[in-house]
Each structure stands twice: as C-alpha cells, then as structure tokens.
C-alpha cells in the first residue's frame, strides 16, 4: 500500500488540490445565492431572460 501511494503521490496531490478548489467554488456560490446576488455578476437589464429568472422585488 505504501509503495502504491509513493508511486502515485503526484496524482493524489493534484486530485486533492482540485477537490479543495471545487469545494471552495461551490461554497462561494452558495454564499452568493443566500445573499441574493446574481451568479453571472452583471445586471439583468440587457439579458434576454430579463424578468424571467428572478422574482420581481
């Protein structure tokens, strides 16, 4: 088992780093959603779906 870990340490580290990055991105998106912010980062004034994706406030 230790030999397999040593042989694949690079792949294991890259997978861990990518997993952490994905978790942080998802966490950020969830926080933005709870705060009522848009996920696209721009206003809806020029969007083709204006008024359809967000409830009128």
C-alpha atoms as a PDB file:
ATOM      1  CA  UNK A   1       0.000   0.000   0.000  1.00  0.00           C
ATOM      2  CA  UNK A   2       2.773   2.446   0.894  1.00  0.00           C
ATOM      3  CA  UNK A   3       4.526   1.659  -2.374  1.00  0.00           C
ATOM      4  CA  UNK A   4       1.345   2.464  -4.340  1.00  0.00           C
ATOM      5  CA  UNK A   5       0.974   5.796  -2.500  1.00  0.00           C
ATOM      6  CA  UNK A   6       4.588   6.711  -3.212  1.00  0.00           C
ATOM      7  CA  UNK A   7       4.191   5.807  -6.883  1.00  0.00           C
ATOM      8  CA  UNK A   8       1.043   7.937  -7.247  1.00  0.00           C
ATOM      9  CA  UNK A   9       1.751  10.862  -4.907  1.00  0.00           C
ATOM     10  CA  UNK A  10       1.598  13.431  -7.724  1.00  0.00           C
ATOM     11  CA  UNK A  11      -1.809  12.278  -8.877  1.00  0.00           C
ATOM     12  CA  UNK A  12      -3.109  12.155  -5.306  1.00  0.00           C
ATOM     13  CA  UNK A  13      -1.935  15.717  -4.568  1.00  0.00           C
ATOM     14  CA  UNK A  14      -3.431  17.104  -7.780  1.00  0.00           C
ATOM     15  CA  UNK A  15      -6.763  15.415  -7.029  1.00  0.00           C
ATOM     16  CA  UNK A  16      -6.765  16.861  -3.501  1.00  0.00           C
ATOM     17  CA  UNK A  17      -5.996  20.371  -4.774  1.00  0.00           C
ATOM     18  CA  UNK A  18      -8.740  20.168  -7.408  1.00  0.00           C
ATOM     19  CA  UNK A  19     -11.223  18.864  -4.845  1.00  0.00           C
ATOM     20  CA  UNK A  20     -10.456  21.745  -2.479  1.00  0.00           C
ATOM     21  CA  UNK A  21     -10.836  24.251  -5.342  1.00  0.00           C
ATOM     22  CA  UNK A  22     -14.231  22.833  -6.348  1.00  0.00           C
ATOM     23  CA  UNK A  23     -15.456  22.851  -2.740  1.00  0.00           C
ATOM     24  CA  UNK A  24     -14.406  26.492  -2.327  1.00  0.00           C
ATOM     25  CA  UNK A  25     -16.154  27.491  -5.559  1.00  0.00           C
ATOM     26  CA  UNK A  26     -19.367  25.738  -4.545  1.00  0.00           C
ATOM     27  CA  UNK A  27     -19.188  27.334  -1.092  1.00  0.00           C
ATOM     28  CA  UNK A  28     -18.776  30.765  -2.663  1.00  0.00           C
ATOM     29  CA  UNK A  29     -21.744  30.220  -4.996  1.00  0.00           C
ATOM     30  CA  UNK A  30     -23.945  29.104  -2.105  1.00  0.00           C
ATOM     31  CA  UNK A  31     -22.988  32.200  -0.074  1.00  0.00           C
ATOM     32  CA  UNK A  32     -23.753  34.470  -3.038  1.00  0.00           C
ATOM     33  CA  UNK A  33     -27.125  32.793  -3.538  1.00  0.00           C
ATOM     34  CA  UNK A  34     -28.013  33.280   0.143  1.00  0.00           C
ATOM     35  CA  UNK A  35     -27.095  36.981  -0.116  1.00  0.00           C
ATOM     36  CA  UNK A  36     -29.339  37.351  -3.174  1.00  0.00           C
ATOM     37  CA  UNK A  37     -26.538  38.131  -5.585  1.00  0.00           C
ATOM     38  CA  UNK A  38     -26.601  37.026  -9.203  1.00  0.00           C
ATOM     39  CA  UNK A  39     -24.262  34.247 -10.231  1.00  0.00           C
ATOM     40  CA  UNK A  40     -23.335  35.921 -13.536  1.00  0.00           C
ATOM     41  CA  UNK A  41     -22.014  39.073 -11.859  1.00  0.00           C
ATOM     42  CA  UNK A  42     -23.682  41.517 -14.252  1.00  0.00           C
ATOM     43  CA  UNK A  43     -27.024  43.236 -14.219  1.00  0.00           C
ATOM     44  CA  UNK A  44     -30.141  41.819 -15.839  1.00  0.00           C
ATOM     45  CA  UNK A  45     -31.021  44.957 -17.822  1.00  0.00           C
ATOM     46  CA  UNK A  46     -29.601  43.689 -21.121  1.00  0.00           C
ATOM     47  CA  UNK A  47     -30.230  39.993 -20.565  1.00  0.00           C
ATOM     48  CA  UNK A  48     -32.571  38.134 -22.948  1.00  0.00           C
ATOM     49  CA  UNK A  49     -34.160  36.426 -19.936  1.00  0.00           C
ATOM     50  CA  UNK A  50     -34.707  39.717 -18.073  1.00  0.00           C
ATOM     51  CA  UNK A  51     -37.502  39.309 -15.563  1.00  0.00           C
ATOM     52  CA  UNK A  52     -37.813  35.559 -16.071  1.00  0.00           C
ATOM     53  CA  UNK A  53     -35.094  34.173 -13.831  1.00  0.00           C
ATOM     54  CA  UNK A  54     -35.512  36.450 -10.782  1.00  0.00           C
ATOM     55  CA  UNK A  55     -38.697  37.322  -8.945  1.00  0.00           C
ATOM     56  CA  UNK A  56     -39.706  40.969  -9.098  1.00  0.00           C
ATOM     57  CA  UNK A  57     -38.823  42.811  -5.890  1.00  0.00           C
END
